[in-house]
Amino acid sequence: MQENTPFSIHQPHDKGYKYLLSSKQIFVQLLRSFVDQGWVSKVDESKLVAIDKSYVLPDFSEKEADLVYRLELQEQDIILYILMELQSTVDFQMPYRLLLYQTEIWRDVLKNTSKEIASRKGFYLPAIIPIVIYNGEAAWTANQSFRKTVHGDELFGKSIVDFEYILLDVQRYRESDLLKLSNVIGAAFLLEQKADMDLLNQRLRSLVGAMEQMTEPQLQTFLTWLMHKLARKLPLQVEDEVAFILSEIKQKGVEKVISNLDKTLDEIESNALRQGIEQGMTQGKADVVKAMLEKGFDIALICELSGWQPEAVAKIKGKLN
């Protein structure tokens, strides 16, 4: 396996968690904030190496993304495999797919190890720690143990292959706990939770303190992620807007910038509501025009009653024929 080069924001899944977690510092934040296991405290950021390869199956390339880190921990190599679920429903075949991904990782390890070394008695495959980040609204109910997905597990016990993956169920974390973290990954998880525009504004304001504690690189990464998250709602060029917001923060501070973003989101919500009403009115009038045509009304009379142009009425009539 080869070391990774810096991720490009233009890759398909990098606008989400993969983009955030390509920062080793933020990845360590994730481990220390959400993985309650003893080995996490021993993780040294400088010993992390990102691996430039995805193991996601072709059929799932639109439903999930992955990230792989190699870590030297107490003179041992381990692999941290992070799978990010992009689908909104629970996948009960997750343990099986994770088994396939781990097998492929070990296959790569052996492929890149000389036969002489691999055949020695003291050679060990690296431990792989699978972590699943899930963001669906429904609670995750799939088994976290592979053996529990195999018929006869109680009868054959340890003879059956087994492992457990670590699940991070984003929608289930409490807002108060995420705010206490005061870091990038906690802020991202909070903003990923389901919310209407008012609640989103409220959460942005509640994160001012956390944003003020971020280093400049962390803040830039977080804002880039945030602007891409809002890109479908914001009528702005994302990269240009991030640069502008960063310059505003230096001049006016985070508090002022969040206030401006609040106003922008409010305007977007108002515009969306107005457009929805206008579209509804247009559709309603089209239904009336269609009914008049079906009853044989003259086009000139329909135009007079509806205020529509003859070409528009003729277009609807053409669809009826």
C-alpha atoms as a PDB file:
ATOM      1  CA  MET A   1       0.000   0.000   0.000  1.00  0.00           C
ATOM      2  CA  GLN A   2       1.220   3.477  -0.773  1.00  0.00           C
ATOM      3  CA  GLU A   3       1.117   6.609   1.300  1.00  0.00           C
ATOM      4  CA  ASN A   4      -1.634   9.043   0.496  1.00  0.00           C
ATOM      5  CA  THR A   5      -1.189  12.452  -1.065  1.00  0.00           C
ATOM      6  CA  PRO A   6      -3.403  15.304   0.206  1.00  0.00           C
ATOM      7  CA  PHE A   7      -7.062  14.803  -0.673  1.00  0.00           C
ATOM      8  CA  SER A   8      -8.589  17.058  -3.302  1.00  0.00           C
ATOM      9  CA  ILE A   9     -11.851  18.758  -2.381  1.00  0.00           C
ATOM     10  CA  HIS A  10     -13.057  17.903  -5.895  1.00  0.00           C
ATOM     11  CA  GLN A  11     -13.143  14.147  -5.315  1.00  0.00           C
ATOM     12  CA  PRO A  12     -16.713  12.767  -5.063  1.00  0.00           C
ATOM     13  CA  HIS A  13     -16.986  12.087  -1.331  1.00  0.00           C
ATOM     14  CA  ASP A  14     -14.427  14.563   0.000  1.00  0.00           C
ATOM     15  CA  LYS A  15     -17.040  17.239   0.678  1.00  0.00           C
ATOM     16  CA  GLY A  16     -18.228  15.135   3.628  1.00  0.00           C
ATOM     17  CA  TYR A  17     -16.570  13.337   6.513  1.00  0.00           C
ATOM     18  CA  LYS A  18     -13.791  12.019   4.281  1.00  0.00           C
ATOM     19  CA  TYR A  19     -12.619  15.552   3.607  1.00  0.00           C
ATOM     20  CA  LEU A  20     -12.634  16.405   7.322  1.00  0.00           C
ATOM     21  CA  LEU A  21     -10.963  13.172   8.399  1.00  0.00           C
ATOM     22  CA  SER A  22      -8.206  13.447   5.792  1.00  0.00           C
ATOM     23  CA  SER A  23      -6.758  15.877   8.338  1.00  0.00           C
ATOM     24  CA  LYS A  24      -4.792  13.675  10.743  1.00  0.00           C
ATOM     25  CA  GLN A  25      -5.436  16.146  13.552  1.00  0.00           C
ATOM     26  CA  ILE A  26      -9.216  15.964  13.069  1.00  0.00           C
ATOM     27  CA  PHE A  27      -9.052  12.184  12.705  1.00  0.00           C
ATOM     28  CA  VAL A  28      -7.342  11.928  16.095  1.00  0.00           C
ATOM     29  CA  GLN A  29     -10.089  14.225  17.452  1.00  0.00           C
ATOM     30  CA  LEU A  30     -12.636  11.694  16.192  1.00  0.00           C
ATOM     31  CA  LEU A  31     -10.903   8.820  17.971  1.00  0.00           C
ATOM     32  CA  ARG A  32     -10.462  10.673  21.265  1.00  0.00           C
ATOM     33  CA  SER A  33     -13.967  12.130  21.227  1.00  0.00           C
ATOM     34  CA  PHE A  34     -16.016   9.087  20.218  1.00  0.00           C
ATOM     35  CA  VAL A  35     -13.998   5.861  20.612  1.00  0.00           C
ATOM     36  CA  ASP A  36     -13.923   4.849  24.272  1.00  0.00           C
ATOM     37  CA  GLN A  37     -11.120   2.286  24.173  1.00  0.00           C
ATOM     38  CA  GLY A  38      -7.807   2.222  26.027  1.00  0.00           C
ATOM     39  CA  TRP A  39      -5.560   2.143  22.956  1.00  0.00           C
ATOM     40  CA  VAL A  40      -6.886   5.518  21.752  1.00  0.00           C
ATOM     41  CA  SER A  41      -4.917   7.443  24.398  1.00  0.00           C
ATOM     42  CA  LYS A  42      -1.700   5.953  22.975  1.00  0.00           C
ATOM     43  CA  VAL A  43      -2.322   7.187  19.404  1.00  0.00           C
ATOM     44  CA  ASP A  44       0.475   9.489  18.223  1.00  0.00           C
ATOM     45  CA  GLU A  45      -0.627  11.725  15.341  1.00  0.00           C
ATOM     46  CA  SER A  46       2.903  11.755  13.911  1.00  0.00           C
ATOM     47  CA  LYS A  47       2.756   7.953  13.541  1.00  0.00           C
ATOM     48  CA  LEU A  48      -0.388   8.051  11.363  1.00  0.00           C
ATOM     49  CA  VAL A  49       0.025   7.452   7.620  1.00  0.00           C
ATOM     50  CA  ALA A  50      -2.961   7.828   5.251  1.00  0.00           C
ATOM     51  CA  ILE A  51      -3.304   5.098   2.622  1.00  0.00           C
ATOM     52  CA  ASP A  52      -4.326   6.176  -0.882  1.00  0.00           C
ATOM     53  CA  LYS A  53      -6.730   3.380  -1.716  1.00  0.00           C
ATOM     54  CA  SER A  54     -10.463   2.736  -1.417  1.00  0.00           C
ATOM     55  CA  TYR A  55     -11.820  -0.745  -0.724  1.00  0.00           C
ATOM     56  CA  VAL A  56     -15.503   0.067  -1.276  1.00  0.00           C
ATOM     57  CA  LEU A  57     -17.240  -2.374  -3.622  1.00  0.00           C
ATOM     58  CA  PRO A  58     -18.307  -0.888  -6.998  1.00  0.00           C
ATOM     59  CA  ASP A  59     -21.990  -1.518  -6.232  1.00  0.00           C
ATOM     60  CA  PHE A  60     -21.695   0.657  -3.120  1.00  0.00           C
ATOM     61  CA  SER A  61     -19.570   3.499  -4.493  1.00  0.00           C
ATOM     62  CA  GLU A  62     -22.539   5.895  -4.372  1.00  0.00           C
ATOM     63  CA  LYS A  63     -23.637   4.725  -0.925  1.00  0.00           C
ATOM     64  CA  GLU A  64     -20.446   4.816   1.098  1.00  0.00           C
ATOM     65  CA  ALA A  65     -16.899   6.159   1.215  1.00  0.00           C
ATOM     66  CA  ASP A  66     -13.882   4.898   3.117  1.00  0.00           C
ATOM     67  CA  LEU A  67     -10.601   6.113   4.544  1.00  0.00           C
ATOM     68  CA  VAL A  68      -7.613   4.031   5.624  1.00  0.00           C
ATOM     69  CA  TYR A  69      -4.840   4.942   8.052  1.00  0.00           C
ATOM     70  CA  ARG A  70      -1.818   2.904   9.039  1.00  0.00           C
ATOM     71  CA  LEU A  71      -0.680   3.521  12.599  1.00  0.00           C
ATOM     72  CA  GLU A  72       2.405   2.454  14.498  1.00  0.00           C
ATOM     73  CA  LEU A  73       1.210   1.706  18.022  1.00  0.00           C
ATOM     74  CA  GLN A  74       3.629   0.357  20.613  1.00  0.00           C
ATOM     75  CA  GLU A  75       5.966  -0.885  17.852  1.00  0.00           C
ATOM     76  CA  GLN A  76       3.113  -2.675  16.091  1.00  0.00           C
ATOM     77  CA  ASP A  77       1.419  -1.786  12.814  1.00  0.00           C
ATOM     78  CA  ILE A  78      -2.348  -1.491  12.929  1.00  0.00           C
ATOM     79  CA  ILE A  79      -4.820  -0.431  10.248  1.00  0.00           C
ATOM     80  CA  LEU A  80      -7.682   1.928  11.053  1.00  0.00           C
ATOM     81  CA  TYR A  81     -10.445   1.434   8.487  1.00  0.00           C
ATOM     82  CA  ILE A  82     -13.209   4.056   8.482  1.00  0.00           C
ATOM     83  CA  LEU A  83     -16.358   3.387   6.454  1.00  0.00           C
ATOM     84  CA  MET A  84     -18.729   6.337   5.995  1.00  0.00           C
ATOM     85  CA  GLU A  85     -22.319   5.300   5.270  1.00  0.00           C
ATOM     86  CA  LEU A  86     -23.908   7.740   2.822  1.00  0.00           C
ATOM     87  CA  GLN A  87     -27.223   5.901   2.624  1.00  0.00           C
ATOM     88  CA  SER A  88     -30.144   6.828   4.869  1.00  0.00           C
ATOM     89  CA  THR A  89     -31.244   3.295   5.747  1.00  0.00           C
ATOM     90  CA  VAL A  90     -29.681   0.628   7.954  1.00  0.00           C
ATOM     91  CA  ASP A  91     -27.596  -1.928   6.024  1.00  0.00           C
ATOM     92  CA  PHE A  92     -27.845  -5.359   7.665  1.00  0.00           C
ATOM     93  CA  GLN A  93     -25.048  -6.758   5.458  1.00  0.00           C
ATOM     94  CA  MET A  94     -22.530  -4.321   6.941  1.00  0.00           C
ATOM     95  CA  PRO A  95     -20.556  -7.001   8.891  1.00  0.00           C
ATOM     96  CA  TYR A  96     -20.159  -9.092   5.720  1.00  0.00           C
ATOM     97  CA  ARG A  97     -18.937  -6.155   3.621  1.00  0.00           C
ATOM     98  CA  LEU A  98     -16.510  -5.119   6.345  1.00  0.00           C
ATOM     99  CA  LEU A  99     -15.125  -8.665   6.322  1.00  0.00           C
ATOM    100  CA  LEU A 100     -14.532  -8.368   2.564  1.00  0.00           C
ATOM    101  CA  TYR A 101     -12.820  -4.990   2.952  1.00  0.00           C
ATOM    102  CA  GLN A 102     -10.549  -6.274   5.725  1.00  0.00           C
ATOM    103  CA  THR A 103      -9.609  -9.328   3.679  1.00  0.00           C
ATOM    104  CA  GLU A 104      -8.646  -7.087   0.762  1.00  0.00           C
ATOM    105  CA  ILE A 105      -6.483  -4.941   3.053  1.00  0.00           C
ATOM    106  CA  TRP A 106      -4.633  -8.010   4.322  1.00  0.00           C
ATOM    107  CA  ARG A 107      -4.257  -9.207   0.724  1.00  0.00           C
ATOM    108  CA  ASP A 108      -2.537  -5.904  -0.098  1.00  0.00           C
ATOM    109  CA  VAL A 109      -0.287  -6.219   2.949  1.00  0.00           C
ATOM    110  CA  LEU A 110       0.865  -9.679   1.864  1.00  0.00           C
ATOM    111  CA  LYS A 111       1.267  -8.546  -1.751  1.00  0.00           C
ATOM    112  CA  ASN A 112       3.677  -5.854  -0.558  1.00  0.00           C
ATOM    113  CA  THR A 113       5.592  -8.137   1.830  1.00  0.00           C
ATOM    114  CA  SER A 114       8.339 -10.412   0.580  1.00  0.00           C
ATOM    115  CA  LYS A 115       7.563 -14.134   0.709  1.00  0.00           C
ATOM    116  CA  GLU A 116      10.644 -14.675   2.873  1.00  0.00           C
ATOM    117  CA  ILE A 117       9.375 -12.287   5.576  1.00  0.00           C
ATOM    118  CA  ALA A 118       5.734 -13.408   5.312  1.00  0.00           C
ATOM    119  CA  SER A 119       6.697 -17.079   5.771  1.00  0.00           C
ATOM    120  CA  ARG A 120       8.602 -16.470   9.009  1.00  0.00           C
ATOM    121  CA  LYS A 121       7.157 -17.709  12.281  1.00  0.00           C
ATOM    122  CA  GLY A 122       7.262 -14.225  13.799  1.00  0.00           C
ATOM    123  CA  PHE A 123       5.330 -12.537  10.984  1.00  0.00           C
ATOM    124  CA  TYR A 124       1.919 -11.149  11.926  1.00  0.00           C
ATOM    125  CA  LEU A 125      -0.757  -9.452   9.881  1.00  0.00           C
ATOM    126  CA  PRO A 126      -1.644  -5.973  11.161  1.00  0.00           C
ATOM    127  CA  ALA A 127      -4.732  -5.649  13.339  1.00  0.00           C
ATOM    128  CA  ILE A 128      -7.560  -3.863  11.517  1.00  0.00           C
ATOM    129  CA  ILE A 129      -9.948  -1.696  13.537  1.00  0.00           C
ATOM    130  CA  PRO A 130     -13.146  -1.097  11.511  1.00  0.00           C
ATOM    131  CA  ILE A 131     -15.102   2.076  12.330  1.00  0.00           C
ATOM    132  CA  VAL A 132     -18.483   2.857  10.729  1.00  0.00           C
ATOM    133  CA  ILE A 133     -19.860   6.413  10.661  1.00  0.00           C
ATOM    134  CA  TYR A 134     -23.619   6.374  10.063  1.00  0.00           C
ATOM    135  CA  ASN A 135     -25.798   9.455   9.575  1.00  0.00           C
ATOM    136  CA  GLY A 136     -29.271   8.041   8.837  1.00  0.00           C
ATOM    137  CA  GLU A 137     -32.356   9.189  10.719  1.00  0.00           C
ATOM    138  CA  ALA A 138     -33.367   5.665  11.807  1.00  0.00           C
ATOM    139  CA  ALA A 139     -31.347   4.181  14.664  1.00  0.00           C
ATOM    140  CA  TRP A 140     -28.736   1.630  13.602  1.00  0.00           C
ATOM    141  CA  THR A 141     -30.096  -1.856  14.358  1.00  0.00           C
ATOM    142  CA  ALA A 142     -27.717  -4.074  12.354  1.00  0.00           C
ATOM    143  CA  ASN A 143     -25.483  -6.484  14.289  1.00  0.00           C
ATOM    144  CA  GLN A 144     -22.062  -5.128  15.191  1.00  0.00           C
ATOM    145  CA  SER A 145     -20.676  -8.643  15.617  1.00  0.00           C
ATOM    146  CA  PHE A 146     -19.963 -10.639  12.458  1.00  0.00           C
ATOM    147  CA  ARG A 147     -20.636 -13.975  14.179  1.00  0.00           C
ATOM    148  CA  LYS A 148     -24.187 -12.859  15.011  1.00  0.00           C
ATOM    149  CA  THR A 149     -24.946 -12.758  11.275  1.00  0.00           C
ATOM    150  CA  VAL A 150     -23.978 -16.426  10.799  1.00  0.00           C
ATOM    151  CA  HIS A 151     -26.522 -19.204  11.336  1.00  0.00           C
ATOM    152  CA  GLY A 152     -25.318 -21.618  14.043  1.00  0.00           C
ATOM    153  CA  ASP A 153     -23.060 -19.177  15.877  1.00  0.00           C
ATOM    154  CA  GLU A 154     -24.237 -20.454  19.291  1.00  0.00           C
ATOM    155  CA  LEU A 155     -23.546 -24.056  18.327  1.00  0.00           C
ATOM    156  CA  PHE A 156     -20.053 -23.588  16.903  1.00  0.00           C
ATOM    157  CA  GLY A 157     -18.886 -20.651  18.999  1.00  0.00           C
ATOM    158  CA  LYS A 158     -15.262 -19.631  18.516  1.00  0.00           C
ATOM    159  CA  SER A 159     -14.871 -21.870  15.467  1.00  0.00           C
ATOM    160  CA  ILE A 160     -16.697 -19.207  13.467  1.00  0.00           C
ATOM    161  CA  VAL A 161     -14.854 -16.100  12.242  1.00  0.00           C
ATOM    162  CA  ASP A 162     -15.763 -13.080  14.346  1.00  0.00           C
ATOM    163  CA  PHE A 163     -15.027  -9.391  14.819  1.00  0.00           C
ATOM    164  CA  GLU A 164     -16.915  -6.305  15.986  1.00  0.00           C
ATOM    165  CA  TYR A 165     -16.874  -2.899  14.349  1.00  0.00           C
ATOM    166  CA  ILE A 166     -17.073   0.427  16.156  1.00  0.00           C
ATOM    167  CA  LEU A 167     -20.268   2.311  15.299  1.00  0.00           C
ATOM    168  CA  LEU A 168     -20.557   6.109  15.398  1.00  0.00           C
ATOM    169  CA  ASP A 169     -24.291   6.864  15.004  1.00  0.00           C
ATOM    170  CA  VAL A 170     -24.209  10.623  14.377  1.00  0.00           C
ATOM    171  CA  GLN A 171     -27.908  11.366  14.883  1.00  0.00           C
ATOM    172  CA  ARG A 172     -27.938   9.729  18.322  1.00  0.00           C
ATOM    173  CA  TYR A 173     -25.376  12.015  20.041  1.00  0.00           C
ATOM    174  CA  ARG A 174     -26.801  14.625  22.405  1.00  0.00           C
ATOM    175  CA  GLU A 175     -26.339  18.263  21.422  1.00  0.00           C
ATOM    176  CA  SER A 176     -24.957  19.165  24.856  1.00  0.00           C
ATOM    177  CA  ASP A 177     -22.276  16.459  24.599  1.00  0.00           C
ATOM    178  CA  LEU A 178     -21.224  17.567  21.109  1.00  0.00           C
ATOM    179  CA  LEU A 179     -20.961  21.201  22.228  1.00  0.00           C
ATOM    180  CA  LYS A 180     -18.780  20.209  25.209  1.00  0.00           C
ATOM    181  CA  LEU A 181     -16.198  18.758  22.828  1.00  0.00           C
ATOM    182  CA  SER A 182     -15.467  22.245  21.399  1.00  0.00           C
ATOM    183  CA  ASN A 183     -13.687  20.760  18.396  1.00  0.00           C
ATOM    184  CA  VAL A 184     -14.127  20.355  14.647  1.00  0.00           C
ATOM    185  CA  ILE A 185     -15.580  16.843  14.597  1.00  0.00           C
ATOM    186  CA  GLY A 186     -18.068  17.588  17.375  1.00  0.00           C
ATOM    187  CA  ALA A 187     -19.227  20.703  15.497  1.00  0.00           C
ATOM    188  CA  ALA A 188     -19.570  18.731  12.249  1.00  0.00           C
ATOM    189  CA  PHE A 189     -21.606  15.983  13.912  1.00  0.00           C
ATOM    190  CA  LEU A 190     -23.913  18.586  15.452  1.00  0.00           C
ATOM    191  CA  LEU A 191     -24.513  20.342  12.132  1.00  0.00           C
ATOM    192  CA  GLU A 192     -25.126  16.999  10.426  1.00  0.00           C
ATOM    193  CA  GLN A 193     -28.018  16.215  12.731  1.00  0.00           C
ATOM    194  CA  LYS A 194     -31.480  16.783  11.274  1.00  0.00           C
ATOM    195  CA  ALA A 195     -32.641  20.385  11.699  1.00  0.00           C
ATOM    196  CA  ASP A 196     -34.854  23.012  10.088  1.00  0.00           C
ATOM    197  CA  MET A 197     -33.380  26.405   9.166  1.00  0.00           C
ATOM    198  CA  ASP A 198     -34.149  27.980  12.551  1.00  0.00           C
ATOM    199  CA  LEU A 199     -32.461  25.156  14.444  1.00  0.00           C
ATOM    200  CA  LEU A 200     -29.500  25.237  12.057  1.00  0.00           C
ATOM    201  CA  ASN A 201     -29.070  28.954  12.760  1.00  0.00           C
ATOM    202  CA  GLN A 202     -29.291  28.286  16.485  1.00  0.00           C
ATOM    203  CA  ARG A 203     -26.662  25.569  16.296  1.00  0.00           C
ATOM    204  CA  LEU A 204     -24.313  27.761  14.273  1.00  0.00           C
ATOM    205  CA  ARG A 205     -24.514  30.401  16.999  1.00  0.00           C
ATOM    206  CA  SER A 206     -23.927  27.800  19.717  1.00  0.00           C
ATOM    207  CA  LEU A 207     -20.698  26.775  17.928  1.00  0.00           C
ATOM    208  CA  VAL A 208     -19.114  30.242  18.005  1.00  0.00           C
ATOM    209  CA  GLY A 209     -17.040  29.336  21.080  1.00  0.00           C
ATOM    210  CA  ALA A 210     -15.815  26.092  19.515  1.00  0.00           C
ATOM    211  CA  MET A 211     -14.875  27.874  16.283  1.00  0.00           C
ATOM    212  CA  GLU A 212     -12.922  30.505  18.201  1.00  0.00           C
ATOM    213  CA  GLN A 213     -10.828  27.716  19.747  1.00  0.00           C
ATOM    214  CA  MET A 214      -9.957  26.111  16.396  1.00  0.00           C
ATOM    215  CA  THR A 215      -6.543  26.691  14.881  1.00  0.00           C
ATOM    216  CA  GLU A 216      -6.574  28.555  11.560  1.00  0.00           C
ATOM    217  CA  PRO A 217      -6.018  25.348   9.488  1.00  0.00           C
ATOM    218  CA  GLN A 218      -8.788  23.580  11.426  1.00  0.00           C
ATOM    219  CA  LEU A 219     -11.130  26.532  10.960  1.00  0.00           C
ATOM    220  CA  GLN A 220     -10.433  26.661   7.237  1.00  0.00           C
ATOM    221  CA  THR A 221     -11.096  22.915   6.900  1.00  0.00           C
ATOM    222  CA  PHE A 222     -14.300  23.200   8.932  1.00  0.00           C
ATOM    223  CA  LEU A 223     -15.613  26.201   6.973  1.00  0.00           C
ATOM    224  CA  THR A 224     -14.823  24.536   3.644  1.00  0.00           C
ATOM    225  CA  TRP A 225     -16.795  21.489   4.793  1.00  0.00           C
ATOM    226  CA  LEU A 226     -19.636  23.703   6.059  1.00  0.00           C
ATOM    227  CA  MET A 227     -19.900  25.706   2.831  1.00  0.00           C
ATOM    228  CA  HIS A 228     -20.017  22.509   0.776  1.00  0.00           C
ATOM    229  CA  LYS A 229     -22.732  21.211   3.099  1.00  0.00           C
ATOM    230  CA  LEU A 230     -24.753  24.366   2.386  1.00  0.00           C
ATOM    231  CA  ALA A 231     -23.717  24.636  -1.267  1.00  0.00           C
ATOM    232  CA  ARG A 232     -27.052  23.466  -2.618  1.00  0.00           C
ATOM    233  CA  LYS A 233     -28.793  26.229  -0.649  1.00  0.00           C
ATOM    234  CA  LEU A 234     -26.272  29.032  -0.939  1.00  0.00           C
ATOM    235  CA  PRO A 235     -26.148  30.885  -4.291  1.00  0.00           C
ATOM    236  CA  LEU A 236     -22.365  31.284  -3.972  1.00  0.00           C
ATOM    237  CA  GLN A 237     -19.103  29.932  -5.306  1.00  0.00           C
ATOM    238  CA  VAL A 238     -17.952  27.764  -2.411  1.00  0.00           C
ATOM    239  CA  GLU A 239     -14.178  28.267  -2.580  1.00  0.00           C
ATOM    240  CA  ASP A 240     -14.531  32.036  -3.032  1.00  0.00           C
ATOM    241  CA  GLU A 241     -17.026  32.248  -0.194  1.00  0.00           C
ATOM    242  CA  VAL A 242     -14.774  30.289   2.187  1.00  0.00           C
ATOM    243  CA  ALA A 243     -11.875  32.643   1.423  1.00  0.00           C
ATOM    244  CA  PHE A 244     -14.150  35.642   2.007  1.00  0.00           C
ATOM    245  CA  ILE A 245     -15.453  34.255   5.312  1.00  0.00           C
ATOM    246  CA  LEU A 246     -11.916  33.569   6.536  1.00  0.00           C
ATOM    247  CA  SER A 247     -10.894  37.154   5.762  1.00  0.00           C
ATOM    248  CA  GLU A 248     -14.046  38.389   7.531  1.00  0.00           C
ATOM    249  CA  ILE A 249     -13.196  36.329  10.602  1.00  0.00           C
ATOM    250  CA  LYS A 250      -9.774  37.957  10.808  1.00  0.00           C
ATOM    251  CA  GLN A 251     -11.356  41.400  10.577  1.00  0.00           C
ATOM    252  CA  LYS A 252     -14.625  40.988  12.487  1.00  0.00           C
ATOM    253  CA  GLY A 253     -14.361  37.740  14.462  1.00  0.00           C
ATOM    254  CA  VAL A 254     -16.398  34.544  14.351  1.00  0.00           C
ATOM    255  CA  GLU A 255     -19.434  36.057  16.111  1.00  0.00           C
ATOM    256  CA  LYS A 256     -20.000  38.646  13.385  1.00  0.00           C
ATOM    257  CA  VAL A 257     -19.519  36.165  10.574  1.00  0.00           C
ATOM    258  CA  ILE A 258     -22.043  33.738  12.075  1.00  0.00           C
ATOM    259  CA  SER A 259     -24.546  36.592  12.368  1.00  0.00           C
ATOM    260  CA  ASN A 260     -24.103  37.333   8.660  1.00  0.00           C
ATOM    261  CA  LEU A 261     -24.505  33.637   7.815  1.00  0.00           C
ATOM    262  CA  ASP A 262     -27.702  33.546   9.912  1.00  0.00           C
ATOM    263  CA  LYS A 263     -29.146  36.355   7.787  1.00  0.00           C
ATOM    264  CA  THR A 264     -28.147  34.610   4.564  1.00  0.00           C
ATOM    265  CA  LEU A 265     -29.843  31.375   5.626  1.00  0.00           C
ATOM    266  CA  ASP A 266     -32.989  33.280   6.622  1.00  0.00           C
ATOM    267  CA  GLU A 267     -33.076  34.921   3.173  1.00  0.00           C
ATOM    268  CA  ILE A 268     -32.656  31.533   1.506  1.00  0.00           C
ATOM    269  CA  GLU A 269     -35.568  30.111   3.501  1.00  0.00           C
ATOM    270  CA  SER A 270     -37.799  33.082   2.606  1.00  0.00           C
ATOM    271  CA  ASN A 271     -36.883  32.837  -1.091  1.00  0.00           C
ATOM    272  CA  ALA A 272     -37.553  29.082  -1.106  1.00  0.00           C
ATOM    273  CA  LEU A 273     -40.975  29.630   0.478  1.00  0.00           C
ATOM    274  CA  ARG A 274     -41.880  32.358  -2.021  1.00  0.00           C
ATOM    275  CA  GLN A 275     -40.730  30.250  -4.973  1.00  0.00           C
ATOM    276  CA  GLY A 276     -42.762  27.315  -3.691  1.00  0.00           C
ATOM    277  CA  ILE A 277     -45.904  29.443  -3.490  1.00  0.00           C
ATOM    278  CA  GLU A 278     -45.315  30.870  -6.978  1.00  0.00           C
ATOM    279  CA  GLN A 279     -44.760  27.421  -8.442  1.00  0.00           C
ATOM    280  CA  GLY A 280     -47.916  26.176  -6.761  1.00  0.00           C
ATOM    281  CA  MET A 281     -49.946  29.064  -8.192  1.00  0.00           C
ATOM    282  CA  THR A 282     -48.515  28.467 -11.663  1.00  0.00           C
ATOM    283  CA  GLN A 283     -49.317  24.761 -11.487  1.00  0.00           C
ATOM    284  CA  GLY A 284     -52.829  25.534 -10.255  1.00  0.00           C
ATOM    285  CA  LYS A 285     -53.480  27.874 -13.170  1.00  0.00           C
ATOM    286  CA  ALA A 286     -52.088  25.301 -15.602  1.00  0.00           C
ATOM    287  CA  ASP A 287     -54.582  22.755 -14.281  1.00  0.00           C
ATOM    288  CA  VAL A 288     -57.423  25.252 -14.890  1.00  0.00           C
ATOM    289  CA  VAL A 289     -56.213  25.959 -18.462  1.00  0.00           C
ATOM    290  CA  LYS A 290     -55.991  22.213 -19.112  1.00  0.00           C
ATOM    291  CA  ALA A 291     -59.576  21.706 -17.865  1.00  0.00           C
ATOM    292  CA  MET A 292     -60.879  24.552 -20.062  1.00  0.00           C
ATOM    293  CA  LEU A 293     -59.192  23.058 -23.133  1.00  0.00           C
ATOM    294  CA  GLU A 294     -60.673  19.637 -22.387  1.00  0.00           C
ATOM    295  CA  LYS A 295     -64.124  21.268 -22.273  1.00  0.00           C
ATOM    296  CA  GLY A 296     -63.535  22.824 -25.695  1.00  0.00           C
ATOM    297  CA  PHE A 297     -63.003  26.481 -24.710  1.00  0.00           C
ATOM    298  CA  ASP A 298     -61.561  28.698 -27.441  1.00  0.00           C
ATOM    299  CA  ILE A 299     -57.855  29.571 -26.978  1.00  0.00           C
ATOM    300  CA  ALA A 300     -58.572  33.307 -27.277  1.00  0.00           C
ATOM    301  CA  LEU A 301     -61.167  33.080 -24.477  1.00  0.00           C
ATOM    302  CA  ILE A 302     -58.800  31.030 -22.287  1.00  0.00           C
ATOM    303  CA  CYS A 303     -56.083  33.676 -22.752  1.00  0.00           C
ATOM    304  CA  GLU A 304     -58.515  36.425 -21.807  1.00  0.00           C
ATOM    305  CA  LEU A 305     -59.668  34.612 -18.642  1.00  0.00           C
ATOM    306  CA  SER A 306     -56.267  33.297 -17.502  1.00  0.00           C
ATOM    307  CA  GLY A 307     -53.943  36.085 -18.611  1.00  0.00           C
ATOM    308  CA  TRP A 308     -51.740  33.533 -20.361  1.00  0.00           C
ATOM    309  CA  GLN A 309     -50.130  34.044 -23.764  1.00  0.00           C
ATOM    310  CA  PRO A 310     -51.531  32.034 -26.731  1.00  0.00           C
ATOM    311  CA  GLU A 311     -48.212  30.168 -27.137  1.00  0.00           C
ATOM    312  CA  ALA A 312     -48.361  28.860 -23.554  1.00  0.00           C
ATOM    313  CA  VAL A 313     -51.971  27.691 -23.942  1.00  0.00           C
ATOM    314  CA  ALA A 314     -51.152  26.087 -27.301  1.00  0.00           C
ATOM    315  CA  LYS A 315     -48.265  24.209 -25.674  1.00  0.00           C
ATOM    316  CA  ILE A 316     -50.607  22.658 -23.096  1.00  0.00           C
ATOM    317  CA  LYS A 317     -53.115  21.847 -25.841  1.00  0.00           C
ATOM    318  CA  GLY A 318     -50.368  20.104 -27.805  1.00  0.00           C
ATOM    319  CA  LYS A 319     -49.692  17.780 -24.847  1.00  0.00           C
ATOM    320  CA  LEU A 320     -53.381  16.843 -24.703  1.00  0.00           C
ATOM    321  CA  ASN A 321     -53.509  15.759 -28.367  1.00  0.00           C
END
